[in-house]
């Protein structure tokens, strides 16, 4: 929601909260999907000169 035209902070807050209530609820995350720190980490490749 664009609230740039509203100068008053409290009024902007009210509008944003009302807009958030109107939106459809988000779907639950699938059971097999890890989030945040539970994700598998990507190994960093060595940044060195190759021999051949």
N, C-alpha and C. Protein backbone atom coordinates (compact mmCIF):
# COMPACT_ATOMS: atom_id res chain seq x y z
N UNK A 1 0.84 -1.18 0.00
CA UNK A 1 0.00 0.00 0.00
C UNK A 1 0.88 1.23 0.00
N UNK A 2 0.56 2.20 -0.83
CA UNK A 2 1.33 3.42 -0.93
C UNK A 2 0.75 4.46 0.02
N UNK A 3 1.53 4.86 1.04
CA UNK A 3 1.05 5.85 2.01
C UNK A 3 1.92 7.09 2.01
N UNK A 4 2.56 7.38 0.89
CA UNK A 4 3.44 8.55 0.83
C UNK A 4 2.68 9.86 0.97
N UNK A 5 1.41 9.87 0.55
CA UNK A 5 0.63 11.10 0.60
C UNK A 5 0.18 11.45 2.01
N UNK A 6 0.26 10.50 2.97
CA UNK A 6 -0.18 10.74 4.34
C UNK A 6 1.00 11.26 5.15
N UNK A 7 0.83 12.44 5.73
CA UNK A 7 1.92 13.06 6.49
C UNK A 7 1.97 12.57 7.93
N UNK A 8 0.80 12.35 8.54
CA UNK A 8 0.73 11.97 9.95
C UNK A 8 1.13 10.50 10.14
N UNK A 9 2.07 10.26 11.05
CA UNK A 9 2.60 8.91 11.28
C UNK A 9 1.51 7.95 11.78
N UNK A 10 0.71 8.41 12.74
CA UNK A 10 -0.33 7.55 13.32
C UNK A 10 -1.39 7.19 12.28
N UNK A 11 -1.75 8.16 11.45
CA UNK A 11 -2.74 7.91 10.39
C UNK A 11 -2.21 6.89 9.39
N UNK A 12 -0.92 7.03 9.04
CA UNK A 12 -0.28 6.11 8.10
C UNK A 12 -0.28 4.69 8.68
N UNK A 13 0.01 4.59 9.98
CA UNK A 13 0.03 3.30 10.68
C UNK A 13 -1.34 2.64 10.60
N UNK A 14 -2.39 3.43 10.85
CA UNK A 14 -3.76 2.92 10.82
C UNK A 14 -4.10 2.37 9.44
N UNK A 15 -3.73 3.13 8.40
CA UNK A 15 -4.02 2.71 7.03
C UNK A 15 -3.30 1.42 6.67
N UNK A 16 -2.05 1.33 7.08
CA UNK A 16 -1.25 0.15 6.76
C UNK A 16 -1.81 -1.09 7.46
N UNK A 17 -2.18 -0.94 8.73
CA UNK A 17 -2.73 -2.08 9.48
C UNK A 17 -4.04 -2.55 8.87
N UNK A 18 -4.88 -1.59 8.45
CA UNK A 18 -6.16 -1.94 7.84
C UNK A 18 -5.92 -2.69 6.53
N UNK A 19 -4.93 -2.24 5.75
CA UNK A 19 -4.62 -2.89 4.48
C UNK A 19 -4.10 -4.30 4.71
N UNK A 20 -3.30 -4.47 5.77
CA UNK A 20 -2.75 -5.78 6.07
C UNK A 20 -3.85 -6.76 6.45
N UNK A 21 -4.87 -6.27 7.16
CA UNK A 21 -5.99 -7.13 7.55
C UNK A 21 -6.79 -7.57 6.35
N UNK A 22 -6.89 -6.69 5.34
CA UNK A 22 -7.70 -6.99 4.15
C UNK A 22 -7.07 -8.05 3.25
N UNK A 23 -5.75 -8.19 3.26
CA UNK A 23 -5.09 -9.12 2.34
C UNK A 23 -5.37 -10.57 2.71
N UNK A 24 -5.21 -11.46 1.73
CA UNK A 24 -5.42 -12.88 1.96
C UNK A 24 -4.30 -13.44 2.82
N UNK A 25 -4.57 -14.40 3.70
CA UNK A 25 -3.51 -14.96 4.54
C UNK A 25 -2.50 -15.74 3.70
N UNK A 26 -1.26 -15.68 4.12
CA UNK A 26 -0.19 -16.38 3.39
C UNK A 26 -0.30 -17.88 3.61
N UNK A 27 0.10 -18.64 2.59
CA UNK A 27 0.06 -20.10 2.70
C UNK A 27 1.16 -20.57 3.64
N UNK A 28 0.92 -21.69 4.30
CA UNK A 28 1.93 -22.25 5.19
C UNK A 28 3.10 -22.76 4.36
N UNK A 29 4.29 -22.74 4.95
CA UNK A 29 5.48 -23.24 4.27
C UNK A 29 5.39 -24.76 4.16
N UNK A 30 5.83 -25.29 3.03
CA UNK A 30 5.79 -26.74 2.81
C UNK A 30 6.68 -27.44 3.83
N UNK A 31 6.35 -28.67 4.17
CA UNK A 31 7.07 -29.37 5.24
C UNK A 31 8.53 -29.64 4.90
N UNK A 32 8.86 -29.81 3.61
CA UNK A 32 10.23 -30.14 3.24
C UNK A 32 11.13 -28.93 3.04
N UNK A 33 10.62 -27.72 3.25
CA UNK A 33 11.41 -26.52 2.95
C UNK A 33 12.03 -25.99 4.24
N UNK A 34 13.35 -25.95 4.28
CA UNK A 34 14.05 -25.42 5.45
C UNK A 34 14.06 -23.90 5.37
N UNK A 35 14.20 -23.25 6.52
CA UNK A 35 14.26 -21.80 6.50
C UNK A 35 15.40 -21.29 7.38
N UNK A 36 16.01 -20.21 6.92
CA UNK A 36 17.04 -19.54 7.71
C UNK A 36 18.26 -20.40 7.98
N UNK A 37 18.61 -20.54 9.26
CA UNK A 37 19.83 -21.24 9.65
C UNK A 37 19.76 -22.75 9.43
N UNK A 38 18.57 -23.28 9.16
CA UNK A 38 18.43 -24.72 8.92
C UNK A 38 18.76 -25.11 7.49
N UNK A 39 18.97 -24.12 6.61
CA UNK A 39 19.27 -24.43 5.22
C UNK A 39 20.66 -25.01 5.08
N UNK A 40 20.85 -25.80 4.03
CA UNK A 40 22.18 -26.38 3.78
C UNK A 40 23.10 -25.27 3.31
N UNK A 41 24.30 -25.25 3.83
CA UNK A 41 25.25 -24.19 3.49
C UNK A 41 26.01 -24.53 2.22
N UNK A 42 26.34 -23.50 1.44
CA UNK A 42 27.09 -23.68 0.21
C UNK A 42 28.56 -23.52 0.54
N UNK A 43 29.37 -24.52 0.16
CA UNK A 43 30.81 -24.44 0.45
C UNK A 43 31.45 -23.39 -0.43
N UNK A 44 32.36 -22.62 0.14
CA UNK A 44 33.06 -21.59 -0.62
C UNK A 44 34.20 -22.24 -1.39
N UNK A 45 34.35 -21.86 -2.64
CA UNK A 45 35.45 -22.40 -3.44
C UNK A 45 36.74 -21.67 -3.09
N UNK A 46 37.86 -22.36 -3.17
CA UNK A 46 39.15 -21.77 -2.85
C UNK A 46 39.52 -20.78 -3.97
N UNK A 47 39.97 -19.60 -3.57
CA UNK A 47 40.35 -18.58 -4.56
C UNK A 47 41.88 -18.54 -4.67
N UNK A 48 42.46 -19.64 -5.16
CA UNK A 48 43.93 -19.71 -5.27
C UNK A 48 44.30 -20.03 -6.72
N UNK A 49 45.58 -19.88 -7.00
CA UNK A 49 46.05 -20.14 -8.37
C UNK A 49 46.09 -21.64 -8.64
N UNK A 50 45.68 -22.03 -9.82
CA UNK A 50 45.68 -23.46 -10.17
C UNK A 50 47.08 -23.89 -10.58
N UNK A 51 47.38 -25.18 -10.39
CA UNK A 51 48.72 -25.69 -10.70
C UNK A 51 48.92 -25.91 -12.20
N UNK A 52 47.89 -26.32 -12.88
CA UNK A 52 48.04 -26.61 -14.32
C UNK A 52 47.09 -25.73 -15.11
